[in-house]
Amino acid sequence: MGEGFTRHPFDLEFGVRTSGLVAGRHLKSGHRHDRHNTAYYGIAPSVFEALMKRWRKSGPAALIEEFSLIDIGAGMGRAVLMAAEMPFRAVVGVELNATLAGIARRNLTLWRAAGRARAPMKIVCQDAVEFQLPHGPCLALLFNPFGARSCGACWRAGARSLPDARETWTCCM
């Protein structure tokens, strides 16, 4: 993950590392699903804010404080950082690539130290298809982490992991 890129204003303002474009071919982890990686590039803060605004306007089935936000393909954690400033019950980033997950964990440490996190947050280094959604309402964020085939598998796995079919799982892409 070389430094041959321009740092995003978000990184400059907050002293974190979430910038860059890393092609999928450079995100090899040795996992059988590596071939489905598209690329890494952090979600633009304006796009994240627009998604959250649209989601809140849609009339979620519960209060935001009851939702866990799950960032599928969290990369270096920019969406996790922004979501942790909101009153979610928890914010979890799921990332297959150990290098990106390590960078994201360092970013979370900096975010906490700066007092920016309102919600508990963590990064899990694992395949999104194998991730078990937490109990309670979940908002899953997928910002182009992988191709349509993997998206479908992730969607089905998430639905299977819900302990109660009445619980809400909303997906923003």
N, C-alpha and C. Protein backbone atom coordinates (compact mmCIF):
# COMPACT_ATOMS: atom_id res chain seq x y z
N MET A 1 0.84 -1.15 0.00
CA MET A 1 0.00 0.00 0.00
C MET A 1 0.90 1.23 0.00
N GLY A 2 1.41 1.53 -1.14
CA GLY A 2 2.36 2.62 -1.28
C GLY A 2 1.77 3.99 -1.04
N GLU A 3 2.63 4.96 -0.94
CA GLU A 3 2.23 6.33 -0.65
C GLU A 3 2.16 7.19 -1.91
N GLY A 4 2.06 6.62 -3.10
CA GLY A 4 2.05 7.38 -4.33
C GLY A 4 0.68 7.91 -4.69
N PHE A 5 0.08 8.70 -3.80
CA PHE A 5 -1.24 9.23 -4.05
C PHE A 5 -1.42 10.55 -3.33
N THR A 6 -2.47 11.25 -3.66
CA THR A 6 -2.81 12.51 -2.99
C THR A 6 -3.69 12.20 -1.79
N ARG A 7 -3.36 12.78 -0.66
CA ARG A 7 -4.17 12.57 0.54
C ARG A 7 -5.48 13.34 0.44
N HIS A 8 -6.55 12.67 0.82
CA HIS A 8 -7.88 13.28 0.82
C HIS A 8 -7.95 14.33 1.93
N PRO A 9 -8.69 15.42 1.71
CA PRO A 9 -8.84 16.43 2.75
C PRO A 9 -9.31 15.86 4.11
N PHE A 10 -10.10 14.80 4.08
CA PHE A 10 -10.55 14.14 5.31
C PHE A 10 -9.34 13.69 6.13
N ASP A 11 -8.38 13.07 5.46
CA ASP A 11 -7.18 12.58 6.14
C ASP A 11 -6.33 13.74 6.68
N LEU A 12 -6.20 14.78 5.89
CA LEU A 12 -5.41 15.94 6.31
C LEU A 12 -6.05 16.62 7.53
N GLU A 13 -7.36 16.73 7.52
CA GLU A 13 -8.06 17.39 8.63
C GLU A 13 -7.99 16.59 9.93
N PHE A 14 -8.12 15.25 9.82
CA PHE A 14 -8.25 14.44 11.02
C PHE A 14 -7.02 13.61 11.37
N GLY A 15 -5.97 13.68 10.55
CA GLY A 15 -4.73 12.98 10.86
C GLY A 15 -4.82 11.47 10.76
N VAL A 16 -5.68 10.98 9.86
CA VAL A 16 -5.84 9.54 9.64
C VAL A 16 -5.35 9.18 8.25
N ARG A 17 -5.38 7.90 7.93
CA ARG A 17 -4.94 7.42 6.61
C ARG A 17 -6.05 6.58 5.99
N THR A 18 -6.84 7.21 5.12
CA THR A 18 -7.91 6.48 4.44
C THR A 18 -7.89 6.73 2.93
N SER A 19 -6.90 7.48 2.45
CA SER A 19 -6.84 7.89 1.04
C SER A 19 -6.25 6.81 0.15
N GLY A 20 -6.45 7.00 -1.12
CA GLY A 20 -5.79 6.17 -2.12
C GLY A 20 -6.73 5.29 -2.89
N LEU A 21 -6.20 4.76 -3.96
CA LEU A 21 -6.89 3.79 -4.79
C LEU A 21 -5.98 2.59 -4.89
N VAL A 22 -6.48 1.45 -4.43
CA VAL A 22 -5.71 0.21 -4.49
C VAL A 22 -6.51 -0.77 -5.36
N ALA A 23 -5.96 -1.16 -6.49
CA ALA A 23 -6.64 -2.08 -7.40
C ALA A 23 -6.85 -3.43 -6.73
N GLY A 24 -7.94 -4.10 -7.09
CA GLY A 24 -8.26 -5.40 -6.52
C GLY A 24 -7.14 -6.41 -6.63
N ARG A 25 -6.37 -6.36 -7.70
CA ARG A 25 -5.28 -7.32 -7.88
C ARG A 25 -4.18 -7.15 -6.82
N HIS A 26 -4.16 -5.98 -6.15
CA HIS A 26 -3.17 -5.73 -5.10
C HIS A 26 -3.72 -6.00 -3.70
N LEU A 27 -4.92 -6.55 -3.64
CA LEU A 27 -5.56 -6.81 -2.35
C LEU A 27 -5.61 -8.29 -2.02
N LYS A 28 -4.67 -9.05 -2.52
CA LYS A 28 -4.64 -10.50 -2.29
C LYS A 28 -4.41 -10.80 -0.81
N SER A 29 -5.23 -11.69 -0.27
CA SER A 29 -5.10 -12.10 1.13
C SER A 29 -4.87 -13.60 1.25
N GLY A 30 -5.00 -14.31 0.12
CA GLY A 30 -4.90 -15.75 0.16
C GLY A 30 -6.26 -16.41 0.34
N HIS A 31 -7.31 -15.62 0.46
CA HIS A 31 -8.66 -16.15 0.64
C HIS A 31 -9.27 -16.51 -0.71
N ARG A 32 -10.13 -17.49 -0.72
CA ARG A 32 -10.74 -17.92 -1.98
C ARG A 32 -11.61 -16.84 -2.63
N HIS A 33 -12.04 -15.85 -1.88
CA HIS A 33 -12.87 -14.78 -2.44
C HIS A 33 -12.07 -13.55 -2.90
N ASP A 34 -10.75 -13.64 -2.87
CA ASP A 34 -9.92 -12.52 -3.34
C ASP A 34 -10.30 -12.09 -4.76
N ARG A 35 -10.64 -13.02 -5.59
CA ARG A 35 -10.91 -12.69 -6.99
C ARG A 35 -12.13 -11.77 -7.17
N HIS A 36 -12.93 -11.63 -6.11
CA HIS A 36 -14.12 -10.78 -6.20
C HIS A 36 -13.86 -9.34 -5.75
N ASN A 37 -12.67 -9.05 -5.23
CA ASN A 37 -12.34 -7.69 -4.80
C ASN A 37 -12.36 -6.77 -6.02
N THR A 38 -12.96 -5.61 -5.87
CA THR A 38 -12.96 -4.64 -6.97
C THR A 38 -11.75 -3.72 -6.82
N ALA A 39 -11.70 -2.98 -5.74
CA ALA A 39 -10.60 -2.05 -5.46
C ALA A 39 -10.88 -1.44 -4.10
N TYR A 40 -9.90 -0.75 -3.56
CA TYR A 40 -10.15 0.04 -2.36
C TYR A 40 -10.07 1.51 -2.71
N TYR A 41 -11.06 2.24 -2.33
CA TYR A 41 -11.02 3.70 -2.30
C TYR A 41 -12.09 4.11 -1.29
N GLY A 42 -11.73 5.01 -0.39
CA GLY A 42 -12.64 5.42 0.67
C GLY A 42 -13.83 6.19 0.15
N ILE A 43 -14.95 5.97 0.78
CA ILE A 43 -16.17 6.69 0.43
C ILE A 43 -15.98 8.18 0.69
N ALA A 44 -16.43 9.00 -0.22
CA ALA A 44 -16.36 10.45 -0.02
C ALA A 44 -17.28 10.83 1.14
N PRO A 45 -16.81 11.69 2.03
CA PRO A 45 -17.67 12.10 3.14
C PRO A 45 -19.04 12.62 2.67
N SER A 46 -19.09 13.35 1.58
CA SER A 46 -20.37 13.87 1.08
C SER A 46 -21.30 12.73 0.66
N VAL A 47 -20.76 11.66 0.09
CA VAL A 47 -21.57 10.51 -0.31
C VAL A 47 -22.08 9.79 0.94
N PHE A 48 -21.22 9.59 1.92
CA PHE A 48 -21.64 8.95 3.17
C PHE A 48 -22.75 9.75 3.84
N GLU A 49 -22.55 11.06 3.94
CA GLU A 49 -23.55 11.92 4.57
C GLU A 49 -24.88 11.87 3.83
N ALA A 50 -24.84 11.86 2.49
CA ALA A 50 -26.07 11.78 1.70
C ALA A 50 -26.78 10.44 1.93
N LEU A 51 -26.00 9.33 2.00
CA LEU A 51 -26.60 8.02 2.27
C LEU A 51 -27.28 8.00 3.64
N MET A 52 -26.61 8.55 4.64
CA MET A 52 -27.18 8.56 5.99
C MET A 52 -28.44 9.42 6.04
N LYS A 53 -28.41 10.55 5.37
CA LYS A 53 -29.58 11.43 5.33
C LYS A 53 -30.75 10.73 4.65
N ARG A 54 -30.48 10.08 3.53
CA ARG A 54 -31.54 9.37 2.80
C ARG A 54 -32.09 8.23 3.65
N TRP A 55 -31.19 7.48 4.31
CA TRP A 55 -31.64 6.37 5.16
C TRP A 55 -32.54 6.88 6.29
N ARG A 56 -32.12 7.95 6.96
CA ARG A 56 -32.91 8.48 8.08
C ARG A 56 -34.26 8.99 7.60
N LYS A 57 -34.32 9.58 6.39
CA LYS A 57 -35.58 10.06 5.83
C LYS A 57 -36.52 8.91 5.46
N SER A 58 -35.95 7.73 5.22
CA SER A 58 -36.76 6.59 4.79
C SER A 58 -37.63 6.02 5.91
N GLY A 59 -37.41 6.49 7.13
CA GLY A 59 -38.22 6.02 8.26
C GLY A 59 -37.81 4.64 8.71
N PRO A 60 -36.57 4.48 9.19
CA PRO A 60 -36.13 3.17 9.66
C PRO A 60 -37.07 2.60 10.71
N ALA A 61 -37.05 1.29 10.85
CA ALA A 61 -37.96 0.58 11.75
C ALA A 61 -37.65 0.79 13.22
N ALA A 62 -36.52 1.40 13.53
CA ALA A 62 -36.13 1.62 14.92
C ALA A 62 -35.33 2.92 15.00
N LEU A 63 -35.07 3.36 16.21
CA LEU A 63 -34.23 4.53 16.43
C LEU A 63 -32.78 4.22 16.03
N ILE A 64 -32.06 5.23 15.60
CA ILE A 64 -30.66 5.03 15.20
C ILE A 64 -29.85 4.42 16.34
N GLU A 65 -30.18 4.75 17.57
CA GLU A 65 -29.47 4.23 18.74
C GLU A 65 -29.62 2.72 18.90
N GLU A 66 -30.61 2.14 18.22
CA GLU A 66 -30.83 0.69 18.28
C GLU A 66 -30.13 -0.06 17.16
N PHE A 67 -29.65 0.68 16.15
CA PHE A 67 -29.02 0.07 14.97
C PHE A 67 -27.52 -0.11 15.16
N SER A 68 -27.02 -1.21 14.60
CA SER A 68 -25.59 -1.38 14.40
C SER A 68 -25.34 -1.10 12.93
N LEU A 69 -24.32 -0.31 12.63
CA LEU A 69 -23.92 -0.08 11.24
C LEU A 69 -22.78 -1.03 10.95
N ILE A 70 -22.93 -1.80 9.88
CA ILE A 70 -21.91 -2.75 9.45
C ILE A 70 -21.38 -2.29 8.10
N ASP A 71 -20.10 -1.94 8.05
CA ASP A 71 -19.47 -1.51 6.81
C ASP A 71 -18.78 -2.73 6.19
N ILE A 72 -19.38 -3.25 5.14
CA ILE A 72 -18.87 -4.44 4.46
C ILE A 72 -17.80 -3.99 3.46
N GLY A 73 -16.59 -4.51 3.61
CA GLY A 73 -15.48 -4.07 2.78
C GLY A 73 -14.99 -2.73 3.29
N ALA A 74 -14.70 -2.66 4.58
CA ALA A 74 -14.39 -1.41 5.27
C ALA A 74 -13.09 -0.75 4.83
N GLY A 75 -12.19 -1.49 4.22
CA GLY A 75 -10.93 -0.90 3.79
C GLY A 75 -10.17 -0.28 4.94
N MET A 76 -9.78 0.97 4.77
CA MET A 76 -9.02 1.69 5.81
C MET A 76 -9.92 2.35 6.85
N GLY A 77 -11.23 2.15 6.72
CA GLY A 77 -12.16 2.53 7.77
C GLY A 77 -12.79 3.90 7.73
N ARG A 78 -12.74 4.60 6.61
CA ARG A 78 -13.30 5.97 6.59
C ARG A 78 -14.78 5.99 6.96
N ALA A 79 -15.59 5.10 6.40
CA ALA A 79 -17.02 5.08 6.73
C ALA A 79 -17.24 4.71 8.19
N VAL A 80 -16.42 3.82 8.73
CA VAL A 80 -16.54 3.44 10.15
C VAL A 80 -16.29 4.66 11.02
N LEU A 81 -15.27 5.45 10.69
CA LEU A 81 -14.95 6.65 11.46
C LEU A 81 -16.12 7.63 11.43
N MET A 82 -16.66 7.87 10.25
CA MET A 82 -17.77 8.83 10.14
C MET A 82 -19.02 8.32 10.86
N ALA A 83 -19.30 7.03 10.73
CA ALA A 83 -20.48 6.45 11.38
C ALA A 83 -20.36 6.49 12.90
N ALA A 84 -19.14 6.34 13.41
CA ALA A 84 -18.93 6.35 14.85
C ALA A 84 -19.22 7.71 15.48
N GLU A 85 -19.29 8.75 14.66
CA GLU A 85 -19.67 10.06 15.17
C GLU A 85 -21.18 10.17 15.38
N MET A 86 -21.91 9.19 14.88
CA MET A 86 -23.37 9.17 15.02
C MET A 86 -23.73 8.26 16.19
N PRO A 87 -24.95 8.35 16.69
CA PRO A 87 -25.31 7.57 17.89
C PRO A 87 -25.73 6.12 17.64
N PHE A 88 -25.05 5.42 16.73
CA PHE A 88 -25.36 4.01 16.51
C PHE A 88 -25.06 3.20 17.77
N ARG A 89 -25.75 2.08 17.91
CA ARG A 89 -25.47 1.15 19.02
C ARG A 89 -24.04 0.65 18.92
N ALA A 90 -23.61 0.36 17.70
CA ALA A 90 -22.24 -0.10 17.44
C ALA A 90 -21.95 0.11 15.96
N VAL A 91 -20.66 0.24 15.65
CA VAL A 91 -20.21 0.36 14.26
C VAL A 91 -19.11 -0.69 14.06
N VAL A 92 -19.30 -1.53 13.05
CA VAL A 92 -18.35 -2.62 12.78
C VAL A 92 -17.93 -2.55 11.32
N GLY A 93 -16.63 -2.55 11.09
CA GLY A 93 -16.09 -2.63 9.74
C GLY A 93 -15.62 -4.05 9.50
N VAL A 94 -16.02 -4.63 8.39
CA VAL A 94 -15.61 -5.99 8.03
C VAL A 94 -14.71 -5.88 6.80
N GLU A 95 -13.47 -6.34 6.94
CA GLU A 95 -12.48 -6.21 5.87
C GLU A 95 -11.69 -7.50 5.73
N LEU A 96 -11.60 -8.02 4.51
CA LEU A 96 -10.89 -9.27 4.24
C LEU A 96 -9.37 -9.09 4.23
N ASN A 97 -8.89 -7.96 3.76
CA ASN A 97 -7.45 -7.74 3.61
C ASN A 97 -6.82 -7.31 4.94
N ALA A 98 -5.88 -8.09 5.44
CA ALA A 98 -5.27 -7.84 6.76
C ALA A 98 -4.52 -6.51 6.81
N THR A 99 -3.88 -6.11 5.71
CA THR A 99 -3.15 -4.83 5.70
C THR A 99 -4.11 -3.66 5.85
N LEU A 100 -5.19 -3.68 5.05
CA LEU A 100 -6.19 -2.61 5.16
C LEU A 100 -6.84 -2.61 6.54
N ALA A 101 -7.15 -3.80 7.07
CA ALA A 101 -7.77 -3.89 8.40
C ALA A 101 -6.83 -3.32 9.47
N GLY A 102 -5.54 -3.57 9.34
CA GLY A 102 -4.57 -3.02 10.29
C GLY A 102 -4.52 -1.50 10.24
N ILE A 103 -4.55 -0.94 9.03
CA ILE A 103 -4.56 0.51 8.88
C ILE A 103 -5.85 1.07 9.50
N ALA A 104 -6.97 0.40 9.24
CA ALA A 104 -8.25 0.84 9.80
C ALA A 104 -8.22 0.82 11.33
N ARG A 105 -7.63 -0.21 11.91
CA ARG A 105 -7.55 -0.28 13.38
C ARG A 105 -6.73 0.89 13.94
N ARG A 106 -5.65 1.23 13.27
CA ARG A 106 -4.85 2.38 13.72
C ARG A 106 -5.67 3.67 13.62
N ASN A 107 -6.46 3.79 12.53
CA ASN A 107 -7.32 4.96 12.38
C ASN A 107 -8.37 5.03 13.50
N LEU A 108 -8.93 3.90 13.88
CA LEU A 108 -9.92 3.88 14.96
C LEU A 108 -9.28 4.32 16.28
N THR A 109 -8.05 3.88 16.51
CA THR A 109 -7.33 4.29 17.73
C THR A 109 -7.16 5.81 17.77
N LEU A 110 -6.78 6.40 16.64
CA LEU A 110 -6.61 7.85 16.55
C LEU A 110 -7.95 8.57 16.76
N TRP A 111 -9.01 8.01 16.19
CA TRP A 111 -10.35 8.61 16.29
C TRP A 111 -10.82 8.64 17.75
N ARG A 112 -10.62 7.50 18.42
CA ARG A 112 -10.99 7.43 19.84
C ARG A 112 -10.17 8.44 20.66
N ALA A 113 -8.87 8.47 20.42
CA ALA A 113 -7.98 9.36 21.17
C ALA A 113 -8.37 10.83 20.97
N ALA A 114 -8.91 11.16 19.81
CA ALA A 114 -9.34 12.53 19.52
C ALA A 114 -10.72 12.82 20.09
N GLY A 115 -11.37 11.82 20.68
CA GLY A 115 -12.69 12.00 21.27
C GLY A 115 -13.81 12.14 20.27
N ARG A 116 -13.61 11.62 19.06
CA ARG A 116 -14.61 11.77 18.00
C ARG A 116 -15.65 10.67 17.98
N ALA A 117 -15.38 9.55 18.61
CA ALA A 117 -16.30 8.40 18.54
C ALA A 117 -17.41 8.51 19.58
N ARG A 118 -18.65 8.52 19.11
CA ARG A 118 -19.82 8.47 20.00
C ARG A 118 -20.28 7.03 20.17
N ALA A 119 -20.04 6.22 19.15
CA ALA A 119 -20.50 4.83 19.16
C ALA A 119 -19.29 3.90 19.31
N PRO A 120 -19.49 2.75 19.96
CA PRO A 120 -18.41 1.76 19.99
C PRO A 120 -18.10 1.33 18.55
N MET A 121 -16.83 1.13 18.26
CA MET A 121 -16.46 0.75 16.89
C MET A 121 -15.34 -0.26 16.92
N LYS A 122 -15.33 -1.12 15.88
CA LYS A 122 -14.26 -2.10 15.75
C LYS A 122 -14.14 -2.53 14.30
N ILE A 123 -12.98 -3.11 13.99
CA ILE A 123 -12.72 -3.68 12.67
C ILE A 123 -12.54 -5.18 12.84
N VAL A 124 -13.21 -5.95 12.00
CA VAL A 124 -13.10 -7.40 12.01
C VAL A 124 -12.45 -7.81 10.70
N CYS A 125 -11.35 -8.54 10.76
CA CYS A 125 -10.67 -8.99 9.55
C CYS A 125 -11.21 -10.37 9.21
N GLN A 126 -12.18 -10.40 8.31
CA GLN A 126 -12.78 -11.67 7.89
C GLN A 126 -13.58 -11.49 6.62
N ASP A 127 -13.93 -12.59 6.02
CA ASP A 127 -14.75 -12.60 4.81
C ASP A 127 -16.16 -12.14 5.17
N ALA A 128 -16.69 -11.19 4.43
CA ALA A 128 -18.03 -10.67 4.70
C ALA A 128 -19.10 -11.75 4.62
N VAL A 129 -18.91 -12.75 3.75
CA VAL A 129 -19.89 -13.83 3.61
C VAL A 129 -19.95 -14.67 4.89
N GLU A 130 -18.85 -14.74 5.63
CA GLU A 130 -18.80 -15.54 6.85
C GLU A 130 -19.14 -14.73 8.10
N PHE A 131 -19.30 -13.42 7.97
CA PHE A 131 -19.57 -12.56 9.11
C PHE A 131 -20.99 -12.76 9.61
N GLN A 132 -21.14 -12.88 10.92
CA GLN A 132 -22.46 -13.02 11.54
C GLN A 132 -22.94 -11.64 11.97
N LEU A 133 -24.08 -11.24 11.47
CA LEU A 133 -24.63 -9.94 11.87
C LEU A 133 -24.96 -9.95 13.35
N PRO A 134 -24.78 -8.82 14.02
CA PRO A 134 -25.13 -8.76 15.44
C PRO A 134 -26.65 -8.80 15.63
N HIS A 135 -27.08 -9.11 16.83
CA HIS A 135 -28.51 -9.09 17.14
C HIS A 135 -29.01 -7.66 17.05
N GLY A 136 -30.26 -7.52 16.72
CA GLY A 136 -30.89 -6.20 16.64
C GLY A 136 -30.84 -5.64 15.24
N PRO A 137 -31.47 -4.50 15.05
CA PRO A 137 -31.50 -3.88 13.72
C PRO A 137 -30.09 -3.54 13.23
N CYS A 138 -29.86 -3.78 11.95
CA CYS A 138 -28.57 -3.50 11.33
C CYS A 138 -28.74 -2.68 10.06
N LEU A 139 -27.83 -1.79 9.85
CA LEU A 139 -27.73 -1.05 8.60
C LEU A 139 -26.42 -1.47 7.97
N ALA A 140 -26.50 -2.15 6.85
CA ALA A 140 -25.30 -2.63 6.16
C ALA A 140 -24.93 -1.63 5.07
N LEU A 141 -23.67 -1.21 5.08
CA LEU A 141 -23.16 -0.29 4.08
C LEU A 141 -22.20 -1.04 3.18
N LEU A 142 -22.48 -1.05 1.90
CA LEU A 142 -21.59 -1.67 0.92
C LEU A 142 -21.24 -0.59 -0.10
N PHE A 143 -20.03 -0.10 -0.04
CA PHE A 143 -19.58 0.91 -0.99
C PHE A 143 -18.66 0.23 -2.00
N ASN A 144 -19.26 -0.48 -2.95
CA ASN A 144 -18.55 -1.13 -4.04
C ASN A 144 -17.40 -2.03 -3.58
N PRO A 145 -17.63 -2.90 -2.56
CA PRO A 145 -16.52 -3.71 -2.06
C PRO A 145 -16.16 -4.88 -2.96
N PHE A 146 -17.14 -5.40 -3.69
CA PHE A 146 -16.90 -6.55 -4.55
C PHE A 146 -18.00 -6.63 -5.59
N GLY A 147 -17.87 -7.58 -6.49
CA GLY A 147 -18.80 -7.72 -7.59
C GLY A 147 -20.19 -8.20 -7.17
N ALA A 148 -21.11 -8.20 -8.12
CA ALA A 148 -22.51 -8.54 -7.87
C ALA A 148 -22.68 -9.96 -7.31
N ARG A 149 -21.88 -10.90 -7.79
CA ARG A 149 -22.00 -12.29 -7.32
C ARG A 149 -21.71 -12.39 -5.82
N SER A 150 -20.66 -11.74 -5.38
CA SER A 150 -20.32 -11.75 -3.96
C SER A 150 -21.35 -10.96 -3.15
N CYS A 151 -21.87 -9.89 -3.74
CA CYS A 151 -22.91 -9.11 -3.06
C CYS A 151 -24.10 -10.00 -2.75
N GLY A 152 -24.50 -10.81 -3.71
CA GLY A 152 -25.63 -11.73 -3.51
C GLY A 152 -25.34 -12.73 -2.42
N ALA A 153 -24.14 -13.30 -2.41
CA ALA A 153 -23.76 -14.26 -1.38
C ALA A 153 -23.75 -13.60 0.00
N CYS A 154 -23.26 -12.39 0.06
CA CYS A 154 -23.22 -11.64 1.33
C CYS A 154 -24.64 -11.37 1.81
N TRP A 155 -25.49 -10.97 0.92
CA TRP A 155 -26.89 -10.68 1.22
C TRP A 155 -27.57 -11.91 1.79
N ARG A 156 -27.40 -13.06 1.13
CA ARG A 156 -28.02 -14.32 1.60
C ARG A 156 -27.46 -14.74 2.95
N ALA A 157 -26.15 -14.62 3.13
CA ALA A 157 -25.53 -14.98 4.41
C ALA A 157 -26.04 -14.08 5.52
N GLY A 158 -26.18 -12.79 5.24
CA GLY A 158 -26.69 -11.86 6.24
C GLY A 158 -28.11 -12.20 6.64
N ALA A 159 -28.94 -12.54 5.66
CA ALA A 159 -30.32 -12.91 5.95
C ALA A 159 -30.38 -14.17 6.81
N ARG A 160 -29.49 -15.14 6.54
CA ARG A 160 -29.46 -16.38 7.34
C ARG A 160 -29.00 -16.12 8.77
N SER A 161 -28.15 -15.12 8.97
CA SER A 161 -27.61 -14.89 10.30
C SER A 161 -28.53 -14.09 11.21
N LEU A 162 -29.62 -13.54 10.64
CA LEU A 162 -30.55 -12.80 11.48
C LEU A 162 -31.27 -13.76 12.42
N PRO A 163 -31.19 -13.52 13.73
CA PRO A 163 -31.82 -14.43 14.68
C PRO A 163 -33.34 -14.35 14.67
N ASP A 164 -33.89 -13.26 14.19
CA ASP A 164 -35.33 -13.05 14.19
C ASP A 164 -35.69 -12.41 12.86
N ALA A 165 -36.53 -13.08 12.09
CA ALA A 165 -36.88 -12.60 10.75
C ALA A 165 -37.56 -11.22 10.78
N ARG A 166 -38.05 -10.79 11.94
CA ARG A 166 -38.72 -9.49 12.03
C ARG A 166 -37.72 -8.35 12.15
N GLU A 167 -36.46 -8.65 12.39
CA GLU A 167 -35.47 -7.60 12.54
C GLU A 167 -35.15 -6.98 11.19
N THR A 168 -34.69 -5.76 11.22
CA THR A 168 -34.47 -4.99 10.00
C THR A 168 -33.02 -5.05 9.58
N TRP A 169 -32.79 -5.27 8.30
CA TRP A 169 -31.46 -5.15 7.73
C TRP A 169 -31.60 -4.33 6.47
N THR A 170 -31.10 -3.13 6.52
CA THR A 170 -31.20 -2.21 5.39
C THR A 170 -29.85 -2.16 4.70
N CYS A 171 -29.86 -2.14 3.39
CA CYS A 171 -28.59 -2.14 2.66
C CYS A 171 -28.50 -0.90 1.78
N CYS A 172 -27.42 -0.15 1.92
CA CYS A 172 -27.18 1.03 1.07
C CYS A 172 -26.00 0.71 0.16
N MET A 173 -26.15 0.97 -1.13
CA MET A 173 -25.04 0.73 -2.05
C MET A 173 -24.75 2.00 -2.81
